[in-house]
Protein backbone atom coordinates (compact mmCIF):
# COMPACT_ATOMS: atom_id res chain seq x y z
CA MET A 1 29.38 -11.44 -16.30
CA ARG A 2 32.45 -9.37 -15.52
CA ILE A 3 33.12 -6.03 -17.18
CA ASN A 4 36.71 -4.81 -17.04
CA PRO A 5 36.85 -1.40 -15.40
CA ALA A 6 38.10 1.58 -17.33
CA ALA A 7 38.25 5.31 -16.89
CA ALA A 8 34.80 6.77 -16.45
CA PRO A 9 33.26 9.96 -15.09
CA LYS A 10 33.32 9.93 -11.31
CA SER A 11 29.99 9.95 -9.46
CA SER A 12 29.38 12.60 -6.90
CA PRO A 13 28.57 11.31 -3.42
CA GLN A 14 25.00 12.49 -3.91
CA HIS A 15 24.32 11.12 -7.40
CA TYR A 16 25.18 8.04 -9.41
CA PRO A 17 24.88 8.84 -13.15
CA PHE A 18 24.58 5.18 -14.12
CA LEU A 19 21.12 5.16 -12.51
CA ASP A 20 19.86 7.40 -15.32
CA GLY A 21 20.92 4.75 -17.84
CA ILE A 22 19.14 2.03 -15.87
CA ARG A 23 15.99 4.16 -15.72
CA GLY A 24 16.33 4.75 -19.46
CA ILE A 25 16.35 1.00 -20.09
CA ALA A 26 13.30 0.59 -17.87
CA ILE A 27 11.18 3.32 -19.51
CA LEU A 28 12.16 2.18 -23.02
CA TRP A 29 11.15 -1.39 -22.17
CA VAL A 30 7.81 -0.25 -20.75
CA PHE A 31 7.16 2.08 -23.70
CA LEU A 32 7.84 -0.64 -26.28
CA PHE A 33 5.60 -3.05 -24.37
CA HIS A 34 2.72 -0.60 -24.53
CA SER A 35 3.54 0.15 -28.17
CA LEU A 36 2.83 -3.50 -29.02
CA GLY A 37 -0.67 -3.04 -27.65
CA ALA A 38 -1.12 0.17 -29.62
CA ALA A 39 0.18 -1.26 -32.89
CA TYR A 40 -1.24 -4.79 -32.74
CA GLY A 41 -3.87 -4.81 -30.00
CA TRP A 42 -1.67 -7.52 -28.53
CA ASN A 43 1.32 -7.52 -26.21
CA ARG A 44 1.67 -10.88 -24.42
CA PHE A 45 2.33 -14.47 -25.37
CA PRO A 46 -0.11 -16.83 -23.61
CA TRP A 47 0.68 -19.87 -21.51
CA HIS A 48 0.00 -23.32 -22.94
CA GLY A 49 0.04 -25.68 -20.01
CA LEU A 50 3.31 -25.28 -18.13
CA PHE A 51 5.12 -23.40 -20.88
CA ARG A 52 4.86 -20.22 -22.87
CA SER A 53 3.13 -20.65 -26.22
CA PHE A 54 4.92 -19.32 -29.33
CA ASP A 55 2.29 -20.39 -31.82
CA GLU A 56 2.61 -17.11 -33.69
CA PRO A 57 4.31 -15.95 -36.91
CA LEU A 58 8.09 -15.65 -36.62
CA SER A 59 7.89 -11.88 -36.98
CA LEU A 60 5.88 -11.76 -33.76
CA VAL A 61 7.98 -14.32 -31.92
CA LEU A 62 10.95 -12.01 -32.46
CA LEU A 63 9.06 -9.41 -30.45
CA PHE A 64 8.93 -11.66 -27.38
CA PRO A 65 11.47 -9.56 -25.37
CA LEU A 66 9.21 -6.51 -25.84
CA SER A 67 6.23 -8.46 -24.53
CA LEU A 68 8.04 -8.63 -21.18
CA GLY A 69 8.26 -4.86 -20.88
CA SER A 70 5.84 -4.66 -17.96
CA PHE A 71 8.77 -5.88 -15.83
CA GLY A 72 10.39 -2.51 -16.42
CA VAL A 73 8.33 -1.42 -13.42
CA ALA A 74 10.35 -3.86 -11.29
CA ILE A 75 13.49 -2.02 -12.38
CA PHE A 76 11.94 1.29 -11.36
CA PHE A 77 10.97 -0.07 -7.96
CA ALA A 78 14.46 -1.39 -7.21
CA VAL A 79 16.06 1.89 -8.30
CA SER A 80 13.51 3.82 -6.21
CA GLY A 81 14.25 1.75 -3.12
CA PHE A 82 17.96 2.40 -3.57
CA CYS A 83 17.57 6.15 -4.08
CA ILE A 84 15.02 6.72 -1.30
CA HIS A 85 16.94 4.78 1.32
CA LEU A 86 20.27 6.34 0.33
CA SER A 87 18.77 9.85 0.45
CA HIS A 88 17.10 9.25 3.79
CA GLY A 89 20.29 7.77 5.24
CA ARG A 90 22.17 10.94 4.32
CA ASN A 91 19.39 13.21 5.63
CA ARG A 92 18.16 11.15 8.58
CA GLU A 93 18.79 13.97 11.05
CA LYS A 94 16.25 16.16 9.19
CA GLY A 95 13.43 13.85 10.26
CA TRP A 96 10.33 12.38 8.68
CA THR A 97 8.65 15.71 7.99
CA TYR A 98 11.48 16.62 5.65
CA PHE A 99 11.35 13.16 4.05
CA PHE A 100 7.63 13.18 3.25
CA HIS A 101 7.62 16.85 2.21
CA ARG A 102 10.41 16.17 -0.27
CA ARG A 103 8.79 12.98 -1.61
CA PHE A 104 5.42 14.69 -2.04
CA PHE A 105 6.74 17.59 -4.11
CA ARG A 106 8.98 15.40 -6.24
CA ILE A 107 6.25 13.03 -7.36
CA TYR A 108 2.76 14.41 -6.73
CA PRO A 109 2.43 17.74 -8.63
CA ALA A 110 3.32 16.24 -12.03
CA TYR A 111 1.21 13.18 -11.25
CA MET A 112 -1.81 15.33 -10.39
CA ALA A 113 -1.36 17.46 -13.51
CA ALA A 114 -1.33 14.34 -15.70
CA ILE A 115 -4.49 13.02 -14.00
CA LEU A 116 -6.35 16.27 -14.61
CA VAL A 117 -5.23 16.45 -18.25
CA PHE A 118 -6.33 12.91 -19.09
CA PHE A 119 -9.56 13.24 -17.11
CA PHE A 120 -10.80 16.59 -18.38
CA LEU A 121 -9.14 17.45 -21.70
CA TRP A 122 -9.80 16.34 -25.28
CA PRO A 123 -9.07 13.88 -26.86
CA TRP A 124 -8.98 11.70 -23.75
CA HIS A 125 -11.98 13.22 -22.01
CA HIS A 126 -14.77 10.66 -21.60
CA TYR A 127 -15.46 11.14 -17.91
CA SER A 128 -18.03 13.23 -16.06
CA LEU A 129 -18.05 14.37 -12.46
CA ARG A 130 -21.79 13.66 -12.51
CA SER A 131 -21.02 9.99 -12.94
CA PRO A 132 -20.42 8.09 -9.66
CA THR A 133 -17.94 5.82 -11.46
CA SER A 134 -15.93 8.76 -12.81
CA LEU A 135 -16.07 10.55 -9.46
CA LEU A 136 -14.79 7.41 -7.71
CA SER A 137 -12.01 7.07 -10.26
CA ILE A 138 -10.62 10.59 -10.00
CA THR A 139 -10.98 10.63 -6.19
CA ALA A 140 -9.08 7.36 -5.89
CA HIS A 141 -6.37 8.68 -8.22
CA LEU A 142 -5.97 11.98 -6.37
CA LEU A 143 -5.64 10.06 -3.10
CA GLY A 144 -3.15 7.66 -4.68
CA LEU A 145 -5.33 4.64 -3.85
CA HIS A 146 -6.63 3.71 -7.31
CA ASN A 147 -4.35 0.67 -7.62
CA LEU A 148 -6.21 -1.04 -4.75
CA TYR A 149 -9.57 -1.32 -6.52
CA LEU A 150 -10.25 -3.43 -9.60
CA HIS A 151 -12.39 -0.82 -11.34
CA THR A 152 -10.05 2.15 -10.84
CA LYS A 153 -6.60 0.57 -11.21
CA PHE A 154 -6.47 0.98 -14.99
CA SER A 155 -8.84 3.91 -15.45
CA ILE A 156 -7.80 7.41 -16.61
CA ASN A 157 -4.20 6.32 -17.32
CA PRO A 158 -3.44 2.61 -16.91
CA SER A 159 0.27 3.21 -16.23
CA MET A 160 -0.48 5.18 -13.08
CA TRP A 161 -1.21 2.07 -11.02
CA SER A 162 2.51 1.91 -10.25
CA ILE A 163 2.65 5.58 -9.22
CA GLY A 164 -0.02 4.85 -6.61
CA THR A 165 1.98 1.85 -5.44
CA GLU A 166 5.13 3.96 -5.29
CA MET A 167 3.45 6.58 -3.09
CA GLN A 168 2.19 3.85 -0.78
CA LEU A 169 5.70 2.37 -0.58
CA TYR A 170 6.89 5.78 0.60
CA ALA A 171 4.12 5.77 3.23
CA VAL A 172 5.14 2.36 4.65
CA TYR A 173 8.88 3.11 4.45
CA PRO A 174 9.12 3.89 8.21
CA LEU A 175 7.52 0.49 8.86
CA LEU A 176 10.11 -1.14 6.60
CA LEU A 177 12.91 0.40 8.65
CA LEU A 178 11.26 -0.76 11.85
CA ILE A 179 11.02 -4.33 10.54
CA MET A 180 14.60 -4.33 9.34
CA GLY A 181 15.72 -3.01 12.70
CA LYS A 182 13.96 -5.90 14.45
CA LEU A 183 14.71 -8.76 12.03
CA GLY A 184 17.86 -7.56 10.29
CA TRP A 185 18.03 -6.88 6.58
CA ARG A 186 18.55 -10.43 5.35
CA SER A 187 15.77 -12.01 7.40
CA GLY A 188 13.50 -9.07 6.61
CA LEU A 189 14.11 -9.42 2.88
CA PHE A 190 13.32 -13.12 2.94
CA ALA A 191 10.06 -12.36 4.77
CA MET A 192 9.16 -9.67 2.22
CA LEU A 193 10.00 -11.97 -0.68
CA ALA A 194 7.68 -14.63 0.73
CA LEU A 195 4.94 -12.02 1.16
CA GLU A 196 5.39 -10.69 -2.38
CA VAL A 197 5.30 -14.14 -4.00
CA PHE A 198 2.28 -15.14 -1.89
CA SER A 199 0.41 -12.00 -2.95
CA LYS A 200 1.08 -12.75 -6.60
CA VAL A 201 -0.17 -16.31 -6.21
CA ILE A 202 -3.46 -15.28 -4.59
CA GLY A 203 -3.88 -12.39 -7.02
CA SER A 204 -3.55 -14.59 -10.09
CA SER A 205 -7.29 -15.35 -10.24
CA ILE A 206 -9.53 -12.46 -9.21
CA GLY A 207 -13.29 -12.44 -9.69
CA GLU A 208 -15.99 -9.87 -9.03
CA ASP A 209 -17.25 -11.08 -5.62
CA LYS A 210 -16.49 -9.16 -2.42
CA GLN A 211 -13.85 -11.61 -1.22
CA SER A 212 -12.03 -11.44 -4.55
CA LEU A 213 -12.03 -7.63 -4.45
CA GLN A 214 -10.44 -7.81 -1.01
CA MET A 215 -7.84 -10.21 -2.39
CA PHE A 216 -7.28 -7.79 -5.28
CA ALA A 217 -6.61 -4.95 -2.84
CA PHE A 218 -4.05 -7.03 -0.97
CA SER A 219 -2.36 -8.37 -4.12
CA ASN A 220 -1.97 -4.80 -5.42
CA SER A 221 -0.97 -3.19 -2.14
CA PRO A 222 2.58 -1.92 -1.50
CA PHE A 223 3.23 -5.10 0.49
CA ALA A 224 2.85 -7.07 -2.74
CA TYR A 225 5.94 -5.23 -4.06
CA TRP A 226 7.84 -4.76 -0.81
CA PHE A 227 10.75 -7.04 -1.64
CA SER A 228 11.18 -5.55 -5.11
CA TRP A 229 11.51 -2.10 -3.54
CA ALA A 230 13.43 -3.12 -0.43
CA ILE A 231 16.13 -5.01 -2.33
CA GLY A 232 17.30 -1.68 -3.76
CA ALA A 233 17.19 -0.20 -0.26
CA TYR A 234 19.42 -3.05 0.93
CA VAL A 235 22.14 -2.04 -1.54
CA ALA A 236 21.82 1.57 -0.31
CA GLU A 237 22.09 0.40 3.28
CA ASN A 238 25.41 -1.29 2.52
CA VAL A 239 26.62 1.85 0.71
CA THR A 240 25.86 4.04 3.74
CA ARG A 241 27.70 1.55 5.97
CA LYS A 242 30.69 1.52 3.57
CA ARG A 243 30.08 -2.10 2.64
CA ARG A 244 30.73 -2.84 -1.02
CA GLU A 245 29.60 -5.72 -3.21
CA SER A 246 26.41 -6.79 -1.47
CA PHE A 247 25.99 -9.53 -4.08
CA LYS A 248 29.56 -10.48 -4.93
CA TRP A 249 28.54 -14.14 -4.68
CA VAL A 250 26.01 -13.83 -7.55
CA ASP A 251 27.01 -15.18 -10.98
CA PHE A 252 25.24 -12.74 -13.28
CA ARG A 253 25.17 -15.19 -16.20
CA TRP A 254 23.21 -17.69 -14.13
CA LEU A 255 20.96 -14.93 -12.87
CA ILE A 256 19.99 -13.96 -16.43
CA THR A 257 19.41 -17.63 -17.27
CA ILE A 258 17.04 -18.01 -14.29
CA ASN A 259 15.23 -14.83 -15.36
CA PHE A 260 14.53 -16.33 -18.80
CA ALA A 261 13.34 -19.56 -17.18
CA THR A 262 10.72 -17.64 -15.21
CA PHE A 263 9.49 -16.04 -18.43
CA LEU A 264 9.07 -19.41 -20.13
CA PHE A 265 7.97 -21.83 -17.36
CA ALA A 266 4.60 -21.06 -15.76
CA PRO A 267 5.29 -22.39 -12.23
CA LEU A 268 8.18 -19.90 -11.94
CA ALA A 269 6.23 -16.95 -13.31
CA PHE A 270 5.29 -15.70 -9.83
CA VAL A 271 8.92 -14.87 -9.06
CA SER A 272 9.61 -13.01 -12.33
CA PHE A 273 8.89 -9.54 -10.95
CA PRO A 274 10.97 -9.79 -7.75
CA LEU A 275 13.71 -11.56 -9.69
CA ILE A 276 13.97 -8.66 -12.16
CA ALA A 277 14.16 -6.31 -9.17
CA PHE A 278 16.91 -8.46 -7.63
CA THR A 279 18.79 -8.44 -10.95
CA THR A 280 18.56 -4.63 -10.98
CA ALA A 281 19.92 -4.47 -7.44
CA VAL A 282 22.86 -6.70 -8.41
CA ALA A 283 23.58 -4.41 -11.38
CA ILE A 284 23.49 -1.30 -9.16
CA ASP A 285 25.80 -3.04 -6.70
CA ARG A 286 28.34 -3.80 -9.43
CA PHE A 287 28.27 -0.30 -10.82
CA ILE A 288 28.93 1.11 -7.36
CA ALA A 289 31.77 -1.34 -6.80
CA ASN A 290 33.29 -0.16 -10.13
CA ARG A 291 33.20 -3.67 -11.54
CA TRP A 292 30.95 -2.39 -14.32
CA HIS A 293 31.13 0.83 -16.33
CA PRO A 294 28.55 1.89 -18.93
CA ILE A 295 31.20 2.75 -21.50
CA ASN A 296 32.47 -0.84 -21.42
CA PHE A 297 29.17 -2.39 -22.45
CA PRO A 298 29.01 -3.96 -25.93
CA PHE A 299 27.36 -0.97 -27.55
CA ASP A 300 28.48 2.49 -28.42
CA ARG A 301 28.85 5.12 -25.68
CA ALA A 302 26.35 7.28 -27.55
CA VAL A 303 23.66 4.63 -27.01
CA TRP A 304 24.24 4.71 -23.26
CA ASN A 305 24.23 8.51 -23.26
CA HIS A 306 20.85 8.49 -24.99
CA LEU A 307 19.52 5.95 -22.49
CA ALA A 308 20.78 8.16 -19.67
CA TRP A 309 19.01 11.18 -21.18
CA LEU A 310 15.84 9.11 -21.47
CA GLY A 311 16.28 8.10 -17.85
CA VAL A 312 16.41 11.75 -16.78
CA ILE A 313 12.95 12.37 -18.28
CA SER A 314 11.62 8.88 -17.54
CA TYR A 315 9.04 10.00 -14.99
CA SER A 316 7.51 12.51 -17.40
CA VAL A 317 7.45 9.93 -20.18
CA TYR A 318 5.88 7.36 -17.87
CA LEU A 319 3.10 9.73 -16.86
CA VAL A 320 1.93 10.56 -20.39
CA HIS A 321 2.98 7.85 -22.84
CA GLN A 322 0.18 5.30 -22.57
CA PRO A 323 -2.81 7.61 -23.20
CA ILE A 324 -0.90 9.12 -26.15
CA LEU A 325 -0.24 5.62 -27.52
CA ALA A 326 -3.95 4.84 -27.13
CA GLN A 327 -4.73 7.82 -29.36
CA ALA A 328 -2.17 6.58 -31.88
CA ARG A 329 -3.92 3.21 -31.86
CA TYR A 330 -7.24 4.95 -32.49
CA LEU A 331 -5.76 6.81 -35.47
CA LEU A 332 -4.29 3.62 -36.88
CA ASP A 333 -7.70 1.99 -36.58
CA LYS A 334 -9.33 4.89 -38.41
CA LEU A 335 -6.75 4.62 -41.17
CA GLY A 336 -7.09 0.84 -41.36
CA LEU A 337 -3.38 0.33 -40.71
CA ARG A 338 -3.35 -1.58 -37.44
CA GLN A 339 -2.85 -5.32 -37.44
CA GLY A 340 -6.00 -7.30 -36.71
CA LEU A 341 -4.72 -9.26 -33.77
CA SER A 342 -6.70 -9.70 -30.58
CA LEU A 343 -5.24 -8.88 -27.19
CA ILE A 344 -3.85 -11.89 -25.38
CA HIS A 345 -4.25 -11.94 -21.62
CA ILE A 346 -2.26 -14.04 -19.18
């Protein structure tokens, strides 16, 4: 898909405004996905054999794109990889102490505040520090390790699993640079893609035994999302080296087609997440190369401006939206207004 360039606001060398619009799309997609669960108690179409089942009323089938909103996290990871690597490349001489200090204070204080609110305050409060389970949950969250354990990943605030993963991706970022220095970016990315797909395959059936819990930890570790994060960093690497159009060879129309195939055909489902991240990296690449401009998309400029505004506050929205939606679901239940559909798991 080629967008004819036109006059647009120039990006500063330190900030690309189009990233706010991409973040806005991601948080809106995630929010609407969780809204399905709040409104219907249902947010996924199941698999029937090798294919996605659409044995639902037409009104629900039309909501299928919203049921894919969990992949908005893949967009966030790719954007994060781009921003972190670009920032570090421009501040490399300041060292790792500066890097980790800056990352900590950009992400952790708001994250910790949200944890404490949803752990201690009404109407979400149903935990007790006297309970070993609750104590384990809040400790794991405060350490940013809750995503690695089956019984803490979705406690307190289910959305926060990805924040833990993000913090761990920051922690292994020096290792990523070491690997890329040894293997080169292309070979390193292929290795990380294989690792990510493998982790999703082994994590697709997790039980309660000790071995399964170890598999769960691996399949939810930062290494299980390394490619999806590193593909954004690859675009940033080419920007810092003054190389444009990292993915000039990609036909975006075919890329979207393949994305839809992974949503509909079960054997391809394991590559859906990294493929969305790759699609995001291609989009970032084309914006930077000035092949695409937000104001040339087939919707009004005001829509993009609102998406960009939403992108600016996306982290705050991400931290609080799901527990608030859960309360909305509770109120709908009390009023007898919520649809009586059971949650479908895949």
